[in-house]
């Protein structure tokens, strides 16, 4: 029961299968019991260029660019 409570506390959904149970995580977490946050920005500190700020977005990221740059990683000058 403890694992089930940990799964749901972390935003997961308990799924029953023929083999037993597993914890299905939402887009922002991972791990056996959804105990880990995705940390894309922390793991890739220079992904957003030219002063852009990185924000974790589920298992991916979004760059917020300065007014002079655009593009996925803020690499295109306006």
C-alpha atoms as a PDB file:
ATOM      1  CA  UNK A   1       0.000   0.000   0.000  1.00  0.00           C
ATOM      2  CA  UNK A   2       2.879   2.377   0.756  1.00  0.00           C
ATOM      3  CA  UNK A   3       4.075   2.302  -2.865  1.00  0.00           C
ATOM      4  CA  UNK A   4       0.550   3.034  -4.124  1.00  0.00           C
ATOM      5  CA  UNK A   5       0.304   6.055  -1.831  1.00  0.00           C
ATOM      6  CA  UNK A   6       3.713   7.309  -3.012  1.00  0.00           C
ATOM      7  CA  UNK A   7       2.670   6.911  -6.647  1.00  0.00           C
ATOM      8  CA  UNK A   8      -0.542   8.908  -6.279  1.00  0.00           C
ATOM      9  CA  UNK A   9       1.087  11.480  -3.988  1.00  0.00           C
ATOM     10  CA  UNK A  10       3.569  12.168  -6.787  1.00  0.00           C
ATOM     11  CA  UNK A  11       0.776  12.681  -9.331  1.00  0.00           C
ATOM     12  CA  UNK A  12       0.880   9.169 -10.751  1.00  0.00           C
ATOM     13  CA  UNK A  13      -1.951   6.818 -11.589  1.00  0.00           C
ATOM     14  CA  UNK A  14      -1.899   3.207 -10.429  1.00  0.00           C
ATOM     15  CA  UNK A  15      -2.476   0.854 -13.368  1.00  0.00           C
ATOM     16  CA  UNK A  16      -3.402  -2.803 -12.783  1.00  0.00           C
ATOM     17  CA  UNK A  17      -2.118  -5.384 -15.269  1.00  0.00           C
ATOM     18  CA  UNK A  18      -2.002  -9.180 -15.346  1.00  0.00           C
ATOM     19  CA  UNK A  19       1.573  -8.965 -14.049  1.00  0.00           C
ATOM     20  CA  UNK A  20       0.648  -6.697 -11.138  1.00  0.00           C
ATOM     21  CA  UNK A  21       0.578  -2.950 -10.751  1.00  0.00           C
ATOM     22  CA  UNK A  22       2.635  -0.084 -12.098  1.00  0.00           C
ATOM     23  CA  UNK A  23       2.669   3.644 -11.625  1.00  0.00           C
ATOM     24  CA  UNK A  24       1.928   5.755 -14.715  1.00  0.00           C
ATOM     25  CA  UNK A  25       3.406   9.252 -14.377  1.00  0.00           C
ATOM     26  CA  UNK A  26       2.148  12.539 -15.767  1.00  0.00           C
ATOM     27  CA  UNK A  27       4.312  14.509 -18.216  1.00  0.00           C
ATOM     28  CA  UNK A  28       6.239  16.357 -15.507  1.00  0.00           C
ATOM     29  CA  UNK A  29       7.583  13.349 -13.552  1.00  0.00           C
ATOM     30  CA  UNK A  30       9.282   9.984 -14.070  1.00  0.00           C
ATOM     31  CA  UNK A  31      10.668   7.089 -12.057  1.00  0.00           C
ATOM     32  CA  UNK A  32       9.169   3.846 -10.768  1.00  0.00           C
ATOM     33  CA  UNK A  33       6.900   5.771  -8.379  1.00  0.00           C
ATOM     34  CA  UNK A  34       6.917   9.099 -10.268  1.00  0.00           C
ATOM     35  CA  UNK A  35       9.358  10.314  -7.629  1.00  0.00           C
ATOM     36  CA  UNK A  36      11.627  12.265  -9.992  1.00  0.00           C
ATOM     37  CA  UNK A  37      10.991  15.619 -11.637  1.00  0.00           C
ATOM     38  CA  UNK A  38      12.258  16.169 -15.142  1.00  0.00           C
ATOM     39  CA  UNK A  39      15.177  18.592 -14.932  1.00  0.00           C
ATOM     40  CA  UNK A  40      15.937  19.266 -18.576  1.00  0.00           C
ATOM     41  CA  UNK A  41      17.062  22.864 -17.982  1.00  0.00           C
ATOM     42  CA  UNK A  42      19.317  21.880 -15.100  1.00  0.00           C
ATOM     43  CA  UNK A  43      20.820  19.036 -17.137  1.00  0.00           C
ATOM     44  CA  UNK A  44      21.387  21.301 -20.185  1.00  0.00           C
ATOM     45  CA  UNK A  45      22.257  24.708 -18.669  1.00  0.00           C
ATOM     46  CA  UNK A  46      23.245  26.373 -21.965  1.00  0.00           C
ATOM     47  CA  UNK A  47      20.388  25.113 -24.151  1.00  0.00           C
ATOM     48  CA  UNK A  48      18.835  28.598 -24.452  1.00  0.00           C
ATOM     49  CA  UNK A  49      21.284  30.959 -26.137  1.00  0.00           C
ATOM     50  CA  UNK A  50      21.756  34.735 -26.192  1.00  0.00           C
ATOM     51  CA  UNK A  51      20.287  35.440 -22.756  1.00  0.00           C
ATOM     52  CA  UNK A  52      17.223  33.224 -23.161  1.00  0.00           C
ATOM     53  CA  UNK A  53      15.730  31.616 -20.053  1.00  0.00           C
ATOM     54  CA  UNK A  54      14.976  27.905 -19.910  1.00  0.00           C
ATOM     55  CA  UNK A  55      11.763  26.522 -18.393  1.00  0.00           C
ATOM     56  CA  UNK A  56      11.087  22.825 -17.844  1.00  0.00           C
ATOM     57  CA  UNK A  57       7.986  21.695 -19.742  1.00  0.00           C
ATOM     58  CA  UNK A  58       7.193  18.095 -18.925  1.00  0.00           C
ATOM     59  CA  UNK A  59      10.006  15.977 -20.299  1.00  0.00           C
ATOM     60  CA  UNK A  60      11.182  18.814 -22.547  1.00  0.00           C
ATOM     61  CA  UNK A  61      11.833  22.559 -22.249  1.00  0.00           C
ATOM     62  CA  UNK A  62      10.796  25.975 -23.535  1.00  0.00           C
ATOM     63  CA  UNK A  63      13.145  28.906 -24.067  1.00  0.00           C
ATOM     64  CA  UNK A  64      11.914  32.411 -23.364  1.00  0.00           C
ATOM     65  CA  UNK A  65      14.049  34.599 -25.620  1.00  0.00           C
ATOM     66  CA  UNK A  66      15.114  38.208 -25.190  1.00  0.00           C
ATOM     67  CA  UNK A  67      13.510  40.742 -27.521  1.00  0.00           C
ATOM     68  CA  UNK A  68      16.468  40.535 -29.951  1.00  0.00           C
ATOM     69  CA  UNK A  69      16.305  36.758 -30.586  1.00  0.00           C
ATOM     70  CA  UNK A  70      13.805  34.072 -31.519  1.00  0.00           C
ATOM     71  CA  UNK A  71      13.670  30.370 -32.362  1.00  0.00           C
ATOM     72  CA  UNK A  72      13.505  27.213 -30.292  1.00  0.00           C
ATOM     73  CA  UNK A  73      16.865  27.919 -28.607  1.00  0.00           C
ATOM     74  CA  UNK A  74      16.966  31.710 -29.137  1.00  0.00           C
ATOM     75  CA  UNK A  75      19.594  31.444 -31.873  1.00  0.00           C
ATOM     76  CA  UNK A  76      17.904  33.515 -34.590  1.00  0.00           C
ATOM     77  CA  UNK A  77      18.456  37.262 -34.495  1.00  0.00           C
ATOM     78  CA  UNK A  78      15.270  39.248 -35.189  1.00  0.00           C
END
